[in-house]
Amino acid sequence: MKKTTYCVMAVIFSVILCFCMIFSACSVNNSGEEGKLLRIHIRANSNSAEDQAVKMEVKAAVVRLLEDKLSRAASLDDAIAIVRSQSESVRRVADSVLSLSGFDYTSSVRVTNEYFPTRVYESVVVESGVYDALIIELGSGGGDNWWCVIYPPLCFVGRQPGEEEIHYKSRLVEWFRKIFFPSS
């Protein structure tokens, strides 16, 4: 009887703990965040595989260009000033990627306010709304797009080159899987 009681209590505790972790990670309160972020929005020329692929090449080149510069921004105003001062460099980098990839169209770059839908970056939820944004249109800009937050630098979050991926284990989770999912 005691063993069953402990098992039931452990399961209840595990479920409560899981819910707490899920809600703390996913329901970030971003009240007041709208207007305090700088986003980047890259619009592909079309939805062809080639235009979508070059969009991602442009994204990588632009992120490389801006990452270090934006890491020095102490405020949204600093970040906007940096992006405005680099907009011609951004256009040249995008046009260079397009040209080297054999495309005959060019890009246009502007900093403006634009509406964005809700987006989740790892454990941060950025609510929909109007944000300052660096807009990069490739050719006609009629294809699917890519967007991210460049200040604070949510686009640049991730592992460093050569860094090992960390895997966490939990005895509680392993025990839970063993009981409820014995075949997996």
N, C-alpha and C. Protein backbone atom coordinates (compact mmCIF):
# COMPACT_ATOMS: atom_id res chain seq x y z
N MET A 1 0.82 -1.20 0.00
CA MET A 1 0.00 0.00 0.00
C MET A 1 0.86 1.27 0.00
N LYS A 2 1.93 1.26 0.83
CA LYS A 2 2.80 2.42 0.91
C LYS A 2 3.49 2.68 -0.44
N LYS A 3 3.90 1.59 -1.09
CA LYS A 3 4.59 1.74 -2.37
C LYS A 3 3.65 2.37 -3.41
N THR A 4 2.40 1.95 -3.43
CA THR A 4 1.41 2.51 -4.35
C THR A 4 1.17 3.98 -4.04
N THR A 5 1.08 4.33 -2.78
CA THR A 5 0.87 5.73 -2.38
C THR A 5 2.04 6.59 -2.84
N TYR A 6 3.26 6.09 -2.63
CA TYR A 6 4.44 6.84 -3.07
C TYR A 6 4.45 7.02 -4.59
N CYS A 7 4.09 5.97 -5.31
CA CYS A 7 4.06 6.05 -6.77
C CYS A 7 3.02 7.07 -7.24
N VAL A 8 1.85 7.04 -6.65
CA VAL A 8 0.80 7.98 -7.02
C VAL A 8 1.24 9.40 -6.70
N MET A 9 1.83 9.60 -5.53
CA MET A 9 2.31 10.95 -5.15
C MET A 9 3.41 11.42 -6.09
N ALA A 10 4.30 10.50 -6.48
CA ALA A 10 5.39 10.86 -7.39
C ALA A 10 4.84 11.26 -8.76
N VAL A 11 3.84 10.53 -9.23
CA VAL A 11 3.24 10.86 -10.52
C VAL A 11 2.54 12.22 -10.45
N ILE A 12 1.79 12.45 -9.39
CA ILE A 12 1.10 13.75 -9.24
C ILE A 12 2.11 14.88 -9.17
N PHE A 13 3.16 14.68 -8.38
CA PHE A 13 4.21 15.69 -8.27
C PHE A 13 4.86 15.93 -9.63
N SER A 14 5.13 14.87 -10.36
CA SER A 14 5.75 14.99 -11.69
C SER A 14 4.88 15.78 -12.65
N VAL A 15 3.59 15.48 -12.65
CA VAL A 15 2.66 16.19 -13.53
C VAL A 15 2.62 17.68 -13.18
N ILE A 16 2.54 17.98 -11.89
CA ILE A 16 2.52 19.38 -11.45
C ILE A 16 3.81 20.07 -11.84
N LEU A 17 4.94 19.40 -11.63
CA LEU A 17 6.23 19.96 -11.99
C LEU A 17 6.33 20.21 -13.49
N CYS A 18 5.86 19.26 -14.29
CA CYS A 18 5.88 19.43 -15.75
C CYS A 18 5.04 20.63 -16.17
N PHE A 19 3.85 20.76 -15.62
CA PHE A 19 3.00 21.91 -15.95
C PHE A 19 3.67 23.21 -15.56
N CYS A 20 4.28 23.24 -14.39
CA CYS A 20 4.97 24.46 -13.95
C CYS A 20 6.09 24.82 -14.91
N MET A 21 6.87 23.84 -15.33
CA MET A 21 7.98 24.09 -16.24
C MET A 21 7.48 24.54 -17.61
N ILE A 22 6.44 23.91 -18.10
CA ILE A 22 5.89 24.27 -19.41
C ILE A 22 5.37 25.70 -19.38
N PHE A 23 4.59 26.04 -18.37
CA PHE A 23 4.00 27.38 -18.32
C PHE A 23 5.03 28.46 -18.03
N SER A 24 6.06 28.14 -17.25
CA SER A 24 7.08 29.16 -16.99
C SER A 24 7.93 29.40 -18.22
N ALA A 25 8.14 28.39 -19.05
CA ALA A 25 8.95 28.56 -20.25
C ALA A 25 8.17 29.19 -21.38
N CYS A 26 6.89 28.88 -21.50
CA CYS A 26 6.14 29.31 -22.68
C CYS A 26 5.29 30.55 -22.47
N SER A 27 4.92 30.85 -21.27
CA SER A 27 4.05 32.00 -21.10
C SER A 27 4.82 33.18 -20.54
N VAL A 28 5.77 33.63 -21.30
CA VAL A 28 6.56 34.79 -20.92
C VAL A 28 5.68 36.02 -21.07
N ASN A 29 5.65 36.83 -20.07
CA ASN A 29 4.84 38.05 -20.13
C ASN A 29 5.64 39.13 -20.83
N ASN A 30 5.20 39.49 -22.00
CA ASN A 30 5.90 40.50 -22.78
C ASN A 30 5.18 41.83 -22.76
N SER A 31 4.39 42.08 -21.74
CA SER A 31 3.69 43.36 -21.70
C SER A 31 4.72 44.47 -21.71
N GLY A 32 4.53 45.41 -22.59
CA GLY A 32 5.46 46.51 -22.71
C GLY A 32 6.61 46.25 -23.66
N GLU A 33 6.75 45.01 -24.16
CA GLU A 33 7.85 44.70 -25.06
C GLU A 33 7.63 45.29 -26.46
N GLU A 34 6.36 45.38 -26.87
CA GLU A 34 6.09 45.91 -28.20
C GLU A 34 6.69 47.30 -28.29
N GLY A 35 7.45 47.53 -29.32
CA GLY A 35 8.09 48.82 -29.50
C GLY A 35 9.47 48.87 -28.89
N LYS A 36 9.88 47.85 -28.15
CA LYS A 36 11.22 47.83 -27.55
C LYS A 36 12.14 46.82 -28.23
N LEU A 37 11.68 46.29 -29.34
CA LEU A 37 12.44 45.29 -30.08
C LEU A 37 12.72 45.81 -31.49
N LEU A 38 13.82 45.36 -32.06
CA LEU A 38 14.12 45.63 -33.46
C LEU A 38 14.13 44.29 -34.17
N ARG A 39 13.32 44.21 -35.20
CA ARG A 39 13.19 42.95 -35.93
C ARG A 39 13.80 43.08 -37.31
N ILE A 40 14.09 41.94 -37.90
CA ILE A 40 14.59 41.89 -39.28
C ILE A 40 13.59 41.04 -40.07
N HIS A 41 13.32 41.47 -41.29
CA HIS A 41 12.34 40.79 -42.13
C HIS A 41 12.93 40.71 -43.54
N ILE A 42 13.19 39.50 -43.99
CA ILE A 42 13.74 39.28 -45.33
C ILE A 42 12.69 38.61 -46.18
N ARG A 43 12.32 39.29 -47.28
CA ARG A 43 11.29 38.77 -48.19
C ARG A 43 11.96 38.26 -49.46
N ALA A 44 11.69 37.00 -49.77
CA ALA A 44 12.25 36.40 -50.98
C ALA A 44 11.55 36.93 -52.22
N ASN A 45 12.21 36.83 -53.35
CA ASN A 45 11.64 37.26 -54.63
C ASN A 45 10.38 36.46 -54.97
N SER A 46 10.45 35.14 -54.74
CA SER A 46 9.30 34.26 -55.05
C SER A 46 9.39 33.05 -54.14
N ASN A 47 8.51 32.10 -54.36
CA ASN A 47 8.53 30.87 -53.58
C ASN A 47 9.26 29.73 -54.28
N SER A 48 9.98 30.03 -55.36
CA SER A 48 10.76 28.98 -56.01
C SER A 48 11.84 28.50 -55.04
N ALA A 49 12.27 27.27 -55.20
CA ALA A 49 13.29 26.70 -54.32
C ALA A 49 14.57 27.53 -54.36
N GLU A 50 14.92 28.04 -55.55
CA GLU A 50 16.14 28.82 -55.70
C GLU A 50 16.03 30.16 -54.95
N ASP A 51 14.89 30.84 -55.09
CA ASP A 51 14.70 32.12 -54.41
C ASP A 51 14.66 31.94 -52.89
N GLN A 52 14.05 30.85 -52.44
CA GLN A 52 14.00 30.59 -51.00
C GLN A 52 15.40 30.26 -50.46
N ALA A 53 16.17 29.52 -51.23
CA ALA A 53 17.53 29.17 -50.79
C ALA A 53 18.42 30.41 -50.71
N VAL A 54 18.32 31.28 -51.72
CA VAL A 54 19.17 32.47 -51.70
C VAL A 54 18.74 33.42 -50.58
N LYS A 55 17.45 33.42 -50.25
CA LYS A 55 16.98 34.22 -49.11
C LYS A 55 17.73 33.81 -47.84
N MET A 56 17.90 32.51 -47.64
CA MET A 56 18.59 32.03 -46.44
C MET A 56 20.08 32.34 -46.49
N GLU A 57 20.66 32.36 -47.69
CA GLU A 57 22.07 32.77 -47.83
C GLU A 57 22.22 34.25 -47.49
N VAL A 58 21.27 35.07 -47.96
CA VAL A 58 21.29 36.50 -47.63
C VAL A 58 21.14 36.68 -46.13
N LYS A 59 20.22 35.93 -45.53
CA LYS A 59 20.03 36.01 -44.08
C LYS A 59 21.33 35.74 -43.34
N ALA A 60 22.03 34.67 -43.71
CA ALA A 60 23.28 34.30 -43.05
C ALA A 60 24.33 35.41 -43.20
N ALA A 61 24.42 35.98 -44.40
CA ALA A 61 25.41 37.04 -44.64
C ALA A 61 25.07 38.31 -43.86
N VAL A 62 23.80 38.67 -43.81
CA VAL A 62 23.38 39.87 -43.09
C VAL A 62 23.57 39.69 -41.58
N VAL A 63 23.23 38.51 -41.07
CA VAL A 63 23.43 38.24 -39.64
C VAL A 63 24.91 38.34 -39.30
N ARG A 64 25.78 37.77 -40.16
CA ARG A 64 27.24 37.88 -39.93
C ARG A 64 27.68 39.34 -39.90
N LEU A 65 27.13 40.15 -40.80
CA LEU A 65 27.47 41.57 -40.87
C LEU A 65 27.05 42.31 -39.62
N LEU A 66 25.84 42.06 -39.14
CA LEU A 66 25.27 42.86 -38.06
C LEU A 66 25.51 42.32 -36.64
N GLU A 67 25.80 41.05 -36.52
CA GLU A 67 25.87 40.43 -35.20
C GLU A 67 26.82 41.16 -34.25
N ASP A 68 28.05 41.37 -34.66
CA ASP A 68 29.03 42.01 -33.79
C ASP A 68 28.66 43.47 -33.52
N LYS A 69 28.22 44.16 -34.56
CA LYS A 69 27.86 45.57 -34.41
C LYS A 69 26.70 45.75 -33.43
N LEU A 70 25.68 44.91 -33.56
CA LEU A 70 24.51 45.03 -32.69
C LEU A 70 24.79 44.56 -31.26
N SER A 71 25.84 43.78 -31.07
CA SER A 71 26.16 43.34 -29.71
C SER A 71 26.62 44.52 -28.86
N ARG A 72 26.99 45.62 -29.48
CA ARG A 72 27.44 46.82 -28.76
C ARG A 72 26.29 47.78 -28.45
N ALA A 73 25.10 47.50 -28.95
CA ALA A 73 23.96 48.39 -28.73
C ALA A 73 23.49 48.29 -27.28
N ALA A 74 23.37 49.45 -26.64
CA ALA A 74 22.92 49.48 -25.24
C ALA A 74 21.43 49.74 -25.13
N SER A 75 20.80 50.10 -26.25
CA SER A 75 19.37 50.41 -26.22
C SER A 75 18.78 50.19 -27.60
N LEU A 76 17.46 50.24 -27.67
CA LEU A 76 16.78 50.13 -28.96
C LEU A 76 17.22 51.27 -29.88
N ASP A 77 17.33 52.47 -29.35
CA ASP A 77 17.76 53.61 -30.17
C ASP A 77 19.16 53.37 -30.74
N ASP A 78 20.07 52.82 -29.93
CA ASP A 78 21.41 52.48 -30.43
C ASP A 78 21.32 51.47 -31.56
N ALA A 79 20.50 50.44 -31.37
CA ALA A 79 20.36 49.38 -32.38
C ALA A 79 19.81 49.95 -33.68
N ILE A 80 18.80 50.80 -33.59
CA ILE A 80 18.22 51.41 -34.80
C ILE A 80 19.26 52.28 -35.49
N ALA A 81 20.02 53.04 -34.72
CA ALA A 81 21.06 53.90 -35.31
C ALA A 81 22.11 53.05 -36.02
N ILE A 82 22.50 51.93 -35.41
CA ILE A 82 23.48 51.03 -36.03
C ILE A 82 22.93 50.47 -37.34
N VAL A 83 21.70 49.99 -37.31
CA VAL A 83 21.09 49.40 -38.50
C VAL A 83 20.93 50.45 -39.60
N ARG A 84 20.51 51.66 -39.23
CA ARG A 84 20.39 52.73 -40.24
C ARG A 84 21.76 53.04 -40.86
N SER A 85 22.79 53.11 -40.02
CA SER A 85 24.13 53.42 -40.53
C SER A 85 24.69 52.29 -41.38
N GLN A 86 24.20 51.07 -41.18
CA GLN A 86 24.68 49.91 -41.92
C GLN A 86 23.77 49.51 -43.07
N SER A 87 22.68 50.26 -43.30
CA SER A 87 21.70 49.82 -44.30
C SER A 87 22.30 49.71 -45.70
N GLU A 88 23.20 50.61 -46.05
CA GLU A 88 23.84 50.51 -47.37
C GLU A 88 24.75 49.29 -47.44
N SER A 89 25.45 49.00 -46.36
CA SER A 89 26.29 47.79 -46.29
C SER A 89 25.43 46.54 -46.38
N VAL A 90 24.28 46.56 -45.72
CA VAL A 90 23.35 45.43 -45.78
C VAL A 90 22.90 45.22 -47.23
N ARG A 91 22.54 46.30 -47.91
CA ARG A 91 22.11 46.19 -49.31
C ARG A 91 23.22 45.64 -50.18
N ARG A 92 24.45 46.14 -49.99
CA ARG A 92 25.59 45.65 -50.78
C ARG A 92 25.85 44.16 -50.53
N VAL A 93 25.76 43.74 -49.26
CA VAL A 93 25.97 42.32 -48.93
C VAL A 93 24.88 41.47 -49.58
N ALA A 94 23.63 41.90 -49.46
CA ALA A 94 22.53 41.14 -50.07
C ALA A 94 22.70 41.07 -51.59
N ASP A 95 23.03 42.21 -52.22
CA ASP A 95 23.21 42.22 -53.67
C ASP A 95 24.39 41.35 -54.09
N SER A 96 25.43 41.32 -53.29
CA SER A 96 26.59 40.48 -53.60
C SER A 96 26.21 39.00 -53.56
N VAL A 97 25.46 38.60 -52.54
CA VAL A 97 25.01 37.20 -52.45
C VAL A 97 24.13 36.86 -53.65
N LEU A 98 23.22 37.76 -54.00
CA LEU A 98 22.35 37.53 -55.16
C LEU A 98 23.16 37.38 -56.44
N SER A 99 24.10 38.29 -56.64
CA SER A 99 24.92 38.27 -57.86
C SER A 99 25.78 37.01 -57.93
N LEU A 100 26.45 36.68 -56.83
CA LEU A 100 27.32 35.50 -56.80
C LEU A 100 26.52 34.20 -56.99
N SER A 101 25.23 34.26 -56.66
CA SER A 101 24.37 33.08 -56.82
C SER A 101 23.71 33.04 -58.20
N GLY A 102 24.02 34.03 -59.05
CA GLY A 102 23.52 34.04 -60.42
C GLY A 102 22.16 34.67 -60.62
N PHE A 103 21.68 35.46 -59.67
CA PHE A 103 20.38 36.12 -59.81
C PHE A 103 20.57 37.49 -60.44
N ASP A 104 19.61 37.89 -61.28
CA ASP A 104 19.72 39.17 -61.96
C ASP A 104 18.93 40.28 -61.27
N TYR A 105 18.28 40.00 -60.18
CA TYR A 105 17.57 41.05 -59.45
C TYR A 105 18.41 41.51 -58.26
N THR A 106 18.03 42.65 -57.69
CA THR A 106 18.77 43.23 -56.57
C THR A 106 17.86 43.30 -55.34
N SER A 107 18.38 43.91 -54.30
CA SER A 107 17.62 44.03 -53.06
C SER A 107 17.31 45.49 -52.76
N SER A 108 16.35 45.69 -51.88
CA SER A 108 16.10 47.02 -51.33
C SER A 108 16.07 46.87 -49.82
N VAL A 109 16.53 47.90 -49.12
CA VAL A 109 16.65 47.85 -47.66
C VAL A 109 16.07 49.12 -47.09
N ARG A 110 15.28 48.98 -46.02
CA ARG A 110 14.76 50.15 -45.32
C ARG A 110 14.51 49.80 -43.86
N VAL A 111 14.50 50.82 -43.01
CA VAL A 111 14.14 50.65 -41.61
C VAL A 111 12.80 51.36 -41.44
N THR A 112 11.82 50.63 -40.92
CA THR A 112 10.46 51.17 -40.82
C THR A 112 9.73 50.47 -39.67
N ASN A 113 8.47 50.81 -39.48
CA ASN A 113 7.60 50.11 -38.53
C ASN A 113 6.74 49.14 -39.32
N GLU A 114 6.57 47.94 -38.78
CA GLU A 114 5.80 46.93 -39.49
C GLU A 114 5.14 45.99 -38.49
N TYR A 115 3.98 45.45 -38.89
CA TYR A 115 3.26 44.48 -38.07
C TYR A 115 3.90 43.11 -38.21
N PHE A 116 4.06 42.41 -37.07
CA PHE A 116 4.55 41.03 -37.05
C PHE A 116 3.61 40.17 -36.22
N PRO A 117 3.41 38.91 -36.63
CA PRO A 117 2.60 37.99 -35.82
C PRO A 117 3.40 37.50 -34.60
N THR A 118 2.74 36.80 -33.70
CA THR A 118 3.40 36.23 -32.52
C THR A 118 4.45 35.23 -32.97
N ARG A 119 5.58 35.22 -32.27
CA ARG A 119 6.67 34.31 -32.62
C ARG A 119 7.31 33.81 -31.33
N VAL A 120 7.74 32.53 -31.32
CA VAL A 120 8.42 31.95 -30.17
C VAL A 120 9.88 31.71 -30.53
N TYR A 121 10.78 32.25 -29.72
CA TYR A 121 12.22 32.03 -29.88
C TYR A 121 12.69 31.27 -28.64
N GLU A 122 13.00 29.99 -28.81
CA GLU A 122 13.35 29.13 -27.69
C GLU A 122 12.30 29.29 -26.60
N SER A 123 12.59 29.95 -25.48
CA SER A 123 11.60 30.05 -24.40
C SER A 123 11.01 31.45 -24.29
N VAL A 124 11.21 32.29 -25.31
CA VAL A 124 10.70 33.66 -25.28
C VAL A 124 9.59 33.80 -26.30
N VAL A 125 8.45 34.32 -25.86
CA VAL A 125 7.32 34.57 -26.74
C VAL A 125 7.29 36.07 -27.04
N VAL A 126 7.34 36.41 -28.32
CA VAL A 126 7.22 37.81 -28.74
C VAL A 126 5.83 37.98 -29.33
N GLU A 127 5.04 38.78 -28.67
CA GLU A 127 3.64 38.98 -29.06
C GLU A 127 3.54 39.69 -30.41
N SER A 128 2.42 39.50 -31.07
CA SER A 128 2.17 40.19 -32.33
C SER A 128 2.05 41.69 -32.06
N GLY A 129 2.37 42.48 -33.07
CA GLY A 129 2.26 43.92 -32.91
C GLY A 129 3.12 44.64 -33.94
N VAL A 130 3.16 45.96 -33.82
CA VAL A 130 3.95 46.79 -34.71
C VAL A 130 5.31 47.02 -34.07
N TYR A 131 6.37 46.71 -34.82
CA TYR A 131 7.74 46.81 -34.32
C TYR A 131 8.60 47.58 -35.31
N ASP A 132 9.67 48.20 -34.81
CA ASP A 132 10.70 48.74 -35.68
C ASP A 132 11.34 47.55 -36.37
N ALA A 133 11.65 47.71 -37.66
CA ALA A 133 12.17 46.56 -38.40
C ALA A 133 13.10 46.99 -39.52
N LEU A 134 14.10 46.15 -39.74
CA LEU A 134 14.96 46.24 -40.91
C LEU A 134 14.32 45.34 -41.95
N ILE A 135 13.85 45.94 -43.05
CA ILE A 135 13.16 45.19 -44.11
C ILE A 135 14.12 45.03 -45.28
N ILE A 136 14.32 43.80 -45.71
CA ILE A 136 15.16 43.51 -46.88
C ILE A 136 14.29 42.77 -47.87
N GLU A 137 14.04 43.41 -49.01
CA GLU A 137 13.26 42.78 -50.08
C GLU A 137 14.21 42.34 -51.18
N LEU A 138 14.11 41.08 -51.55
CA LEU A 138 14.93 40.53 -52.62
C LEU A 138 14.07 40.50 -53.88
N GLY A 139 14.50 41.22 -54.90
CA GLY A 139 13.71 41.31 -56.13
C GLY A 139 12.36 41.93 -55.85
N SER A 140 11.29 41.24 -56.26
CA SER A 140 9.93 41.76 -56.07
C SER A 140 9.45 41.63 -54.63
N GLY A 141 10.13 40.79 -53.83
CA GLY A 141 9.71 40.58 -52.44
C GLY A 141 8.40 39.84 -52.31
N GLY A 142 8.00 39.10 -53.36
CA GLY A 142 6.70 38.44 -53.37
C GLY A 142 6.67 37.04 -52.80
N GLY A 143 7.81 36.53 -52.35
CA GLY A 143 7.86 35.16 -51.84
C GLY A 143 7.73 35.09 -50.33
N ASP A 144 7.81 33.85 -49.83
CA ASP A 144 7.77 33.65 -48.38
C ASP A 144 8.93 34.39 -47.74
N ASN A 145 8.74 34.73 -46.47
CA ASN A 145 9.73 35.56 -45.81
C ASN A 145 10.32 34.88 -44.59
N TRP A 146 11.35 35.50 -44.04
CA TRP A 146 11.99 35.06 -42.81
C TRP A 146 12.10 36.29 -41.93
N TRP A 147 11.81 36.13 -40.63
CA TRP A 147 11.97 37.26 -39.72
C TRP A 147 12.46 36.79 -38.38
N CYS A 148 13.05 37.72 -37.65
CA CYS A 148 13.61 37.42 -36.35
C CYS A 148 13.78 38.72 -35.57
N VAL A 149 14.16 38.62 -34.31
CA VAL A 149 14.46 39.79 -33.49
C VAL A 149 15.97 39.97 -33.47
N ILE A 150 16.45 41.17 -33.90
CA ILE A 150 17.88 41.42 -33.88
C ILE A 150 18.31 42.31 -32.72
N TYR A 151 17.35 42.93 -32.03
CA TYR A 151 17.65 43.62 -30.77
C TYR A 151 16.46 43.49 -29.85
N PRO A 152 16.64 42.91 -28.66
CA PRO A 152 17.83 42.16 -28.25
C PRO A 152 18.08 40.99 -29.20
N PRO A 153 19.30 40.51 -29.23
CA PRO A 153 19.71 39.58 -30.30
C PRO A 153 19.19 38.16 -30.17
N LEU A 154 17.90 37.95 -30.39
CA LEU A 154 17.35 36.59 -30.33
C LEU A 154 17.72 35.77 -31.56
N CYS A 155 18.05 36.42 -32.67
CA CYS A 155 18.47 35.68 -33.87
C CYS A 155 19.83 35.05 -33.69
N PHE A 156 20.63 35.66 -32.82
CA PHE A 156 22.03 35.26 -32.70
C PHE A 156 22.25 34.26 -31.58
N VAL A 157 21.15 33.87 -30.89
CA VAL A 157 21.26 32.94 -29.78
C VAL A 157 21.50 31.55 -30.33
N GLY A 158 22.41 30.82 -29.74
CA GLY A 158 22.66 29.45 -30.18
C GLY A 158 24.04 29.01 -29.79
N ARG A 159 24.38 27.81 -30.23
CA ARG A 159 25.69 27.25 -29.90
C ARG A 159 26.77 27.96 -30.69
N GLN A 160 27.93 28.05 -30.08
CA GLN A 160 29.10 28.58 -30.76
C GLN A 160 29.71 27.46 -31.60
N PRO A 161 30.40 27.83 -32.71
CA PRO A 161 31.02 26.79 -33.53
C PRO A 161 31.98 25.93 -32.69
N GLY A 162 31.88 24.62 -32.84
CA GLY A 162 32.75 23.71 -32.12
C GLY A 162 32.26 23.37 -30.72
N GLU A 163 31.24 24.04 -30.25
CA GLU A 163 30.72 23.79 -28.92
C GLU A 163 29.85 22.54 -28.95
N GLU A 164 30.05 21.66 -27.94
CA GLU A 164 29.27 20.43 -27.88
C GLU A 164 27.85 20.72 -27.45
N GLU A 165 26.93 19.94 -27.99
CA GLU A 165 25.53 20.06 -27.58
C GLU A 165 25.37 19.40 -26.21
N ILE A 166 24.63 20.05 -25.33
CA ILE A 166 24.42 19.54 -23.98
C ILE A 166 23.12 18.75 -23.94
N HIS A 167 23.17 17.57 -23.37
CA HIS A 167 21.99 16.74 -23.19
C HIS A 167 21.78 16.54 -21.69
N TYR A 168 20.58 16.85 -21.22
CA TYR A 168 20.24 16.69 -19.81
C TYR A 168 19.45 15.41 -19.62
N LYS A 169 19.70 14.76 -18.48
CA LYS A 169 18.94 13.57 -18.13
C LYS A 169 18.30 13.79 -16.78
N SER A 170 17.15 13.19 -16.61
CA SER A 170 16.44 13.28 -15.34
C SER A 170 16.01 11.87 -14.95
N ARG A 171 16.39 11.48 -13.76
CA ARG A 171 15.97 10.16 -13.29
C ARG A 171 14.46 10.09 -13.15
N LEU A 172 13.87 11.20 -12.75
CA LEU A 172 12.42 11.24 -12.61
C LEU A 172 11.75 11.04 -13.97
N VAL A 173 12.25 11.71 -14.99
CA VAL A 173 11.69 11.56 -16.33
C VAL A 173 11.92 10.14 -16.84
N GLU A 174 13.11 9.60 -16.63
CA GLU A 174 13.39 8.23 -17.05
C GLU A 174 12.46 7.25 -16.36
N TRP A 175 12.24 7.44 -15.06
CA TRP A 175 11.33 6.58 -14.31
C TRP A 175 9.91 6.70 -14.85
N PHE A 176 9.48 7.94 -15.13
CA PHE A 176 8.15 8.20 -15.66
C PHE A 176 7.98 7.51 -17.02
N ARG A 177 8.98 7.62 -17.88
CA ARG A 177 8.92 6.95 -19.19
C ARG A 177 8.87 5.43 -19.05
N LYS A 178 9.65 4.92 -18.10
CA LYS A 178 9.70 3.48 -17.88
C LYS A 178 8.33 2.93 -17.45
N ILE A 179 7.63 3.69 -16.62
CA ILE A 179 6.33 3.25 -16.13
C ILE A 179 5.24 3.40 -17.20
N PHE A 180 5.18 4.58 -17.84
CA PHE A 180 4.08 4.87 -18.75
C PHE A 180 4.36 4.56 -20.22
N PHE A 181 5.63 4.45 -20.59
CA PHE A 181 5.99 4.15 -21.98
C PHE A 181 7.08 3.07 -22.00
N PRO A 182 6.76 1.88 -21.53
CA PRO A 182 7.78 0.85 -21.38
C PRO A 182 8.40 0.38 -22.69
N SER A 183 7.72 0.52 -23.81
CA SER A 183 8.26 0.01 -25.08
C SER A 183 9.14 1.01 -25.79
N SER A 184 9.19 2.29 -25.36
CA SER A 184 10.00 3.27 -26.10
C SER A 184 11.38 3.43 -25.56
